[in-house]
Amino acid sequence: MPTSTITPGLNATQLRVAGTGAIWKAPIGTTAPSDSTTAWAAGWVNLGYAKSGFAVTPSLKTTPVMGWQSTQILRLIATELTRKYGFELMQSNIQTVAMAWGGTVVPGTAGVYSMTIPNAATIQEFMIGIDWSDGTTSQRIIIPRCALLTMPPIKGDRTAETSYAFEVQELVPGDNSQSVLVFGVDDAVSGV
């Protein structure tokens, strides 16, 4: 049997490196692009420099079905599917500082601000968009409804920048539509 029917073809041009990109945030319900090239609508804010890009961590939990006549699993029932998105932001701005502290920034004058931080834990929901590209290939990930899964540690250091490591959890949108949208431009993936 020829090797090509057993293993996928080797093609180094199909290796992808998320060499650059952007992470966007918007209030729930903000108009999102419906492809990977349309500009982001009003309401979306670019969160600035990110350290080392992003990570998507899916988790699938299952329950095995066993039978009297077999010691092997007969079937798996999916009981939970979650996706977490992680990224570390490096810029301190009104969006990143408010997310990191879980509060609301109250701007003053001449760069002065204060923050209103709730005494009780509150879950703030929002939308996240992630763009990345590698030359002429690109991908856009949109999470229409998500929330912070953890609060980031905030560290001030004399020899390193302050950064904010966020982990967000996608949630089912209020209209029960898709909880993650992925669009791309990549001939190898599209098959065209």
C-alpha atoms as a PDB file:
ATOM      1  CA  MET A   1       0.000   0.000   0.000  1.00  0.00           C
ATOM      2  CA  PRO A   2       1.451   3.425  -0.916  1.00  0.00           C
ATOM      3  CA  THR A   3       2.578   5.535   2.055  1.00  0.00           C
ATOM      4  CA  SER A   4       0.487   8.526   0.934  1.00  0.00           C
ATOM      5  CA  THR A   5      -2.762   6.683   1.729  1.00  0.00           C
ATOM      6  CA  ILE A   6      -1.619   5.907   5.274  1.00  0.00           C
ATOM      7  CA  THR A   7      -0.173   9.238   6.397  1.00  0.00           C
ATOM      8  CA  PRO A   8      -1.007  12.824   5.443  1.00  0.00           C
ATOM      9  CA  GLY A   9       1.298  14.451   2.958  1.00  0.00           C
ATOM     10  CA  LEU A  10       4.312  16.284   4.337  1.00  0.00           C
ATOM     11  CA  ASN A  11       4.099  19.970   3.449  1.00  0.00           C
ATOM     12  CA  ALA A  12       6.194  22.521   5.339  1.00  0.00           C
ATOM     13  CA  THR A  13       4.227  25.399   3.785  1.00  0.00           C
ATOM     14  CA  GLN A  14       1.265  24.355   5.955  1.00  0.00           C
ATOM     15  CA  LEU A  15       3.073  25.150   9.223  1.00  0.00           C
ATOM     16  CA  ARG A  16       1.525  28.177  10.932  1.00  0.00           C
ATOM     17  CA  VAL A  17       3.066  30.628  13.382  1.00  0.00           C
ATOM     18  CA  ALA A  18       0.802  33.206  15.014  1.00  0.00           C
ATOM     19  CA  GLY A  19       3.457  35.840  14.401  1.00  0.00           C
ATOM     20  CA  THR A  20       1.373  38.880  15.198  1.00  0.00           C
ATOM     21  CA  GLY A  21      -2.152  39.789  16.107  1.00  0.00           C
ATOM     22  CA  ALA A  22      -4.473  41.647  18.412  1.00  0.00           C
ATOM     23  CA  ILE A  23      -6.899  40.956  21.241  1.00  0.00           C
ATOM     24  CA  TRP A  24     -10.140  42.916  21.262  1.00  0.00           C
ATOM     25  CA  LYS A  25     -12.822  43.452  23.910  1.00  0.00           C
ATOM     26  CA  ALA A  26     -16.378  44.775  23.607  1.00  0.00           C
ATOM     27  CA  PRO A  27     -19.620  44.895  25.585  1.00  0.00           C
ATOM     28  CA  ILE A  28     -22.039  42.000  25.038  1.00  0.00           C
ATOM     29  CA  GLY A  29     -24.178  42.623  21.951  1.00  0.00           C
ATOM     30  CA  THR A  30     -21.611  44.712  20.061  1.00  0.00           C
ATOM     31  CA  THR A  31     -21.672  43.992  16.318  1.00  0.00           C
ATOM     32  CA  ALA A  32     -18.981  41.444  15.484  1.00  0.00           C
ATOM     33  CA  PRO A  33     -17.385  40.866  12.081  1.00  0.00           C
ATOM     34  CA  SER A  34     -18.730  37.896  10.104  1.00  0.00           C
ATOM     35  CA  ASP A  35     -15.395  37.048   8.464  1.00  0.00           C
ATOM     36  CA  SER A  36     -11.680  37.396   9.120  1.00  0.00           C
ATOM     37  CA  THR A  37     -11.017  40.550   7.109  1.00  0.00           C
ATOM     38  CA  THR A  38     -13.805  43.022   7.938  1.00  0.00           C
ATOM     39  CA  ALA A  39     -12.772  45.867  10.240  1.00  0.00           C
ATOM     40  CA  TRP A  40     -13.952  45.731  13.852  1.00  0.00           C
ATOM     41  CA  ALA A  41     -17.070  47.822  14.475  1.00  0.00           C
ATOM     42  CA  ALA A  42     -17.377  50.722  16.905  1.00  0.00           C
ATOM     43  CA  GLY A  43     -17.383  49.485  20.484  1.00  0.00           C
ATOM     44  CA  TRP A  44     -14.485  47.043  20.047  1.00  0.00           C
ATOM     45  CA  VAL A  45     -11.268  48.097  21.808  1.00  0.00           C
ATOM     46  CA  ASN A  46      -7.801  46.772  20.949  1.00  0.00           C
ATOM     47  CA  LEU A  47      -6.279  45.797  24.335  1.00  0.00           C
ATOM     48  CA  GLY A  48      -2.720  46.516  23.177  1.00  0.00           C
ATOM     49  CA  TYR A  49       0.494  44.552  23.479  1.00  0.00           C
ATOM     50  CA  ALA A  50       0.198  40.928  24.554  1.00  0.00           C
ATOM     51  CA  LYS A  51       3.039  38.733  25.745  1.00  0.00           C
ATOM     52  CA  SER A  52       3.476  35.536  23.676  1.00  0.00           C
ATOM     53  CA  GLY A  53       0.075  35.609  21.977  1.00  0.00           C
ATOM     54  CA  PHE A  54      -2.842  33.543  23.269  1.00  0.00           C
ATOM     55  CA  ALA A  55      -3.844  29.986  24.168  1.00  0.00           C
ATOM     56  CA  VAL A  56      -7.124  28.128  23.709  1.00  0.00           C
ATOM     57  CA  THR A  57      -7.579  25.245  26.157  1.00  0.00           C
ATOM     58  CA  PRO A  58     -10.509  22.954  25.415  1.00  0.00           C
ATOM     59  CA  SER A  59     -11.741  20.389  27.931  1.00  0.00           C
ATOM     60  CA  LEU A  60     -14.018  17.473  27.066  1.00  0.00           C
ATOM     61  CA  LYS A  61     -15.419  15.379  29.906  1.00  0.00           C
ATOM     62  CA  THR A  62     -17.132  12.084  29.208  1.00  0.00           C
ATOM     63  CA  THR A  63     -18.909   9.273  31.025  1.00  0.00           C
ATOM     64  CA  PRO A  64     -18.111   5.738  29.851  1.00  0.00           C
ATOM     65  CA  VAL A  65     -20.891   3.237  29.146  1.00  0.00           C
ATOM     66  CA  MET A  66     -19.917  -0.288  30.146  1.00  0.00           C
ATOM     67  CA  GLY A  67     -21.684  -3.558  29.328  1.00  0.00           C
ATOM     68  CA  TRP A  68     -22.032  -6.807  31.156  1.00  0.00           C
ATOM     69  CA  GLN A  69     -20.530  -8.741  28.251  1.00  0.00           C
ATOM     70  CA  SER A  70     -17.414  -6.582  27.789  1.00  0.00           C
ATOM     71  CA  THR A  71     -14.562  -5.245  29.896  1.00  0.00           C
ATOM     72  CA  GLN A  72     -14.025  -2.435  27.389  1.00  0.00           C
ATOM     73  CA  ILE A  73     -15.890   0.834  27.042  1.00  0.00           C
ATOM     74  CA  LEU A  74     -18.847   0.496  24.671  1.00  0.00           C
ATOM     75  CA  ARG A  75     -19.612   4.177  24.259  1.00  0.00           C
ATOM     76  CA  LEU A  76     -18.689   7.599  25.606  1.00  0.00           C
ATOM     77  CA  ILE A  77     -21.337  10.142  26.555  1.00  0.00           C
ATOM     78  CA  ALA A  78     -20.150  13.746  26.386  1.00  0.00           C
ATOM     79  CA  THR A  79     -21.021  15.453  29.680  1.00  0.00           C
ATOM     80  CA  GLU A  80     -19.094  18.725  29.428  1.00  0.00           C
ATOM     81  CA  LEU A  81     -17.266  20.741  26.774  1.00  0.00           C
ATOM     82  CA  THR A  82     -15.534  23.955  27.790  1.00  0.00           C
ATOM     83  CA  ARG A  83     -12.993  26.283  26.204  1.00  0.00           C
ATOM     84  CA  LYS A  84     -10.770  28.657  28.123  1.00  0.00           C
ATOM     85  CA  TYR A  85      -8.805  31.445  26.473  1.00  0.00           C
ATOM     86  CA  GLY A  86      -5.603  32.731  28.031  1.00  0.00           C
ATOM     87  CA  PHE A  87      -3.514  35.793  27.209  1.00  0.00           C
ATOM     88  CA  GLU A  88      -1.180  38.111  29.075  1.00  0.00           C
ATOM     89  CA  LEU A  89      -1.627  41.815  28.398  1.00  0.00           C
ATOM     90  CA  MET A  90       1.296  44.189  28.848  1.00  0.00           C
ATOM     91  CA  GLN A  91      -0.272  47.624  28.522  1.00  0.00           C
ATOM     92  CA  SER A  92      -1.864  49.438  31.437  1.00  0.00           C
ATOM     93  CA  ASN A  93      -4.886  51.254  30.053  1.00  0.00           C
ATOM     94  CA  ILE A  94      -8.498  51.844  31.069  1.00  0.00           C
ATOM     95  CA  GLN A  95      -9.584  48.397  29.802  1.00  0.00           C
ATOM     96  CA  THR A  96      -6.742  46.245  31.162  1.00  0.00           C
ATOM     97  CA  VAL A  97      -6.567  47.889  34.598  1.00  0.00           C
ATOM     98  CA  ALA A  98     -10.350  47.698  35.065  1.00  0.00           C
ATOM     99  CA  MET A  99     -10.367  44.003  34.071  1.00  0.00           C
ATOM    100  CA  ALA A 100      -7.414  43.209  36.323  1.00  0.00           C
ATOM    101  CA  TRP A 101      -8.983  44.826  39.401  1.00  0.00           C
ATOM    102  CA  GLY A 102     -12.562  43.785  38.598  1.00  0.00           C
ATOM    103  CA  GLY A 103     -13.772  47.342  38.892  1.00  0.00           C
ATOM    104  CA  THR A 104     -14.612  50.492  36.987  1.00  0.00           C
ATOM    105  CA  VAL A 105     -12.120  53.250  36.191  1.00  0.00           C
ATOM    106  CA  VAL A 106     -13.362  56.757  36.923  1.00  0.00           C
ATOM    107  CA  PRO A 107     -11.304  59.193  34.807  1.00  0.00           C
ATOM    108  CA  GLY A 108     -10.374  62.555  36.299  1.00  0.00           C
ATOM    109  CA  THR A 109      -8.370  65.356  34.703  1.00  0.00           C
ATOM    110  CA  ALA A 110      -4.723  65.479  33.596  1.00  0.00           C
ATOM    111  CA  GLY A 111      -4.249  61.689  33.820  1.00  0.00           C
ATOM    112  CA  VAL A 112      -5.745  61.342  37.306  1.00  0.00           C
ATOM    113  CA  TYR A 113      -8.170  58.479  37.893  1.00  0.00           C
ATOM    114  CA  SER A 114      -9.765  56.426  40.629  1.00  0.00           C
ATOM    115  CA  MET A 115     -11.344  52.992  40.594  1.00  0.00           C
ATOM    116  CA  THR A 116     -14.608  51.742  41.981  1.00  0.00           C
ATOM    117  CA  ILE A 117     -13.979  48.171  43.098  1.00  0.00           C
ATOM    118  CA  PRO A 118     -16.950  46.151  44.377  1.00  0.00           C
ATOM    119  CA  ASN A 119     -16.671  44.551  47.829  1.00  0.00           C
ATOM    120  CA  ALA A 120     -18.380  41.368  46.634  1.00  0.00           C
ATOM    121  CA  ALA A 121     -17.351  39.182  43.726  1.00  0.00           C
ATOM    122  CA  THR A 122     -19.194  40.101  40.561  1.00  0.00           C
ATOM    123  CA  ILE A 123     -19.046  38.332  37.231  1.00  0.00           C
ATOM    124  CA  GLN A 124     -18.600  40.817  34.421  1.00  0.00           C
ATOM    125  CA  GLU A 125     -19.488  39.459  31.003  1.00  0.00           C
ATOM    126  CA  PHE A 126     -18.093  40.794  27.741  1.00  0.00           C
ATOM    127  CA  MET A 127     -17.043  39.795  24.218  1.00  0.00           C
ATOM    128  CA  ILE A 128     -13.493  38.915  23.167  1.00  0.00           C
ATOM    129  CA  GLY A 129     -12.011  38.846  19.680  1.00  0.00           C
ATOM    130  CA  ILE A 130      -8.610  37.466  18.754  1.00  0.00           C
ATOM    131  CA  ASP A 131      -6.877  38.112  15.419  1.00  0.00           C
ATOM    132  CA  TRP A 132      -3.635  36.479  14.376  1.00  0.00           C
ATOM    133  CA  SER A 133      -1.769  36.270  11.106  1.00  0.00           C
ATOM    134  CA  ASP A 134       1.166  34.525   9.495  1.00  0.00           C
ATOM    135  CA  GLY A 135       2.016  36.242   6.238  1.00  0.00           C
ATOM    136  CA  THR A 136      -1.069  36.015   4.031  1.00  0.00           C
ATOM    137  CA  THR A 137      -2.855  33.503   6.277  1.00  0.00           C
ATOM    138  CA  SER A 138      -4.996  34.744   9.121  1.00  0.00           C
ATOM    139  CA  GLN A 139      -7.546  33.623  11.654  1.00  0.00           C
ATOM    140  CA  ARG A 140     -10.134  35.453  13.714  1.00  0.00           C
ATOM    141  CA  ILE A 141     -11.726  33.990  16.859  1.00  0.00           C
ATOM    142  CA  ILE A 142     -14.788  35.689  18.338  1.00  0.00           C
ATOM    143  CA  ILE A 143     -16.270  34.761  21.708  1.00  0.00           C
ATOM    144  CA  PRO A 144     -19.706  36.476  21.808  1.00  0.00           C
ATOM    145  CA  ARG A 145     -20.119  35.969  25.564  1.00  0.00           C
ATOM    146  CA  CYS A 146     -17.416  35.247  28.118  1.00  0.00           C
ATOM    147  CA  ALA A 147     -16.268  36.144  31.614  1.00  0.00           C
ATOM    148  CA  LEU A 148     -13.048  36.131  33.584  1.00  0.00           C
ATOM    149  CA  LEU A 149     -12.366  32.704  35.028  1.00  0.00           C
ATOM    150  CA  THR A 150      -9.763  33.985  37.483  1.00  0.00           C
ATOM    151  CA  MET A 151      -8.417  37.348  38.566  1.00  0.00           C
ATOM    152  CA  PRO A 152      -4.826  37.948  37.436  1.00  0.00           C
ATOM    153  CA  PRO A 153      -1.996  38.505  39.897  1.00  0.00           C
ATOM    154  CA  ILE A 154      -0.807  42.123  39.745  1.00  0.00           C
ATOM    155  CA  LYS A 155       2.906  42.465  40.371  1.00  0.00           C
ATOM    156  CA  GLY A 156       4.998  45.618  40.443  1.00  0.00           C
ATOM    157  CA  ASP A 157       8.669  44.881  39.793  1.00  0.00           C
ATOM    158  CA  ARG A 158      11.660  47.163  39.354  1.00  0.00           C
ATOM    159  CA  THR A 159      13.115  44.996  36.600  1.00  0.00           C
ATOM    160  CA  ALA A 160      10.050  43.900  34.620  1.00  0.00           C
ATOM    161  CA  GLU A 161       6.910  45.399  33.150  1.00  0.00           C
ATOM    162  CA  THR A 162       3.600  45.044  34.922  1.00  0.00           C
ATOM    163  CA  SER A 163       1.435  42.611  32.990  1.00  0.00           C
ATOM    164  CA  TYR A 164      -1.962  41.017  33.455  1.00  0.00           C
ATOM    165  CA  ALA A 165      -2.419  37.273  32.759  1.00  0.00           C
ATOM    166  CA  PHE A 166      -6.104  36.760  31.978  1.00  0.00           C
ATOM    167  CA  GLU A 167      -8.055  33.542  31.562  1.00  0.00           C
ATOM    168  CA  VAL A 168     -11.584  33.848  30.203  1.00  0.00           C
ATOM    169  CA  GLN A 169     -14.289  31.216  29.907  1.00  0.00           C
ATOM    170  CA  GLU A 170     -16.646  31.179  26.943  1.00  0.00           C
ATOM    171  CA  LEU A 171     -20.346  31.102  27.834  1.00  0.00           C
ATOM    172  CA  VAL A 172     -23.414  30.247  25.756  1.00  0.00           C
ATOM    173  CA  PRO A 173     -24.803  33.480  24.262  1.00  0.00           C
ATOM    174  CA  GLY A 174     -28.226  34.662  25.456  1.00  0.00           C
ATOM    175  CA  ASP A 175     -29.793  33.776  22.096  1.00  0.00           C
ATOM    176  CA  ASN A 176     -28.282  30.243  22.259  1.00  0.00           C
ATOM    177  CA  SER A 177     -26.160  30.902  19.153  1.00  0.00           C
ATOM    178  CA  GLN A 178     -22.624  29.587  18.720  1.00  0.00           C
ATOM    179  CA  SER A 179     -20.357  30.208  21.706  1.00  0.00           C
ATOM    180  CA  VAL A 180     -17.275  30.620  19.513  1.00  0.00           C
ATOM    181  CA  LEU A 181     -16.914  31.792  15.920  1.00  0.00           C
ATOM    182  CA  VAL A 182     -13.781  31.080  13.875  1.00  0.00           C
ATOM    183  CA  PHE A 183     -13.024  32.658  10.488  1.00  0.00           C
ATOM    184  CA  GLY A 184      -9.860  32.415   8.471  1.00  0.00           C
ATOM    185  CA  VAL A 185      -7.966  32.948   5.267  1.00  0.00           C
ATOM    186  CA  ASP A 186      -5.795  29.899   4.561  1.00  0.00           C
ATOM    187  CA  ASP A 187      -5.761  27.924   1.300  1.00  0.00           C
ATOM    188  CA  ALA A 188      -4.524  24.794   3.080  1.00  0.00           C
ATOM    189  CA  VAL A 189      -7.471  24.808   5.499  1.00  0.00           C
ATOM    190  CA  SER A 190     -10.163  25.912   3.047  1.00  0.00           C
ATOM    191  CA  GLY A 191      -9.118  23.225   0.550  1.00  0.00           C
ATOM    192  CA  VAL A 192      -9.433  25.725  -2.300  1.00  0.00           C
END
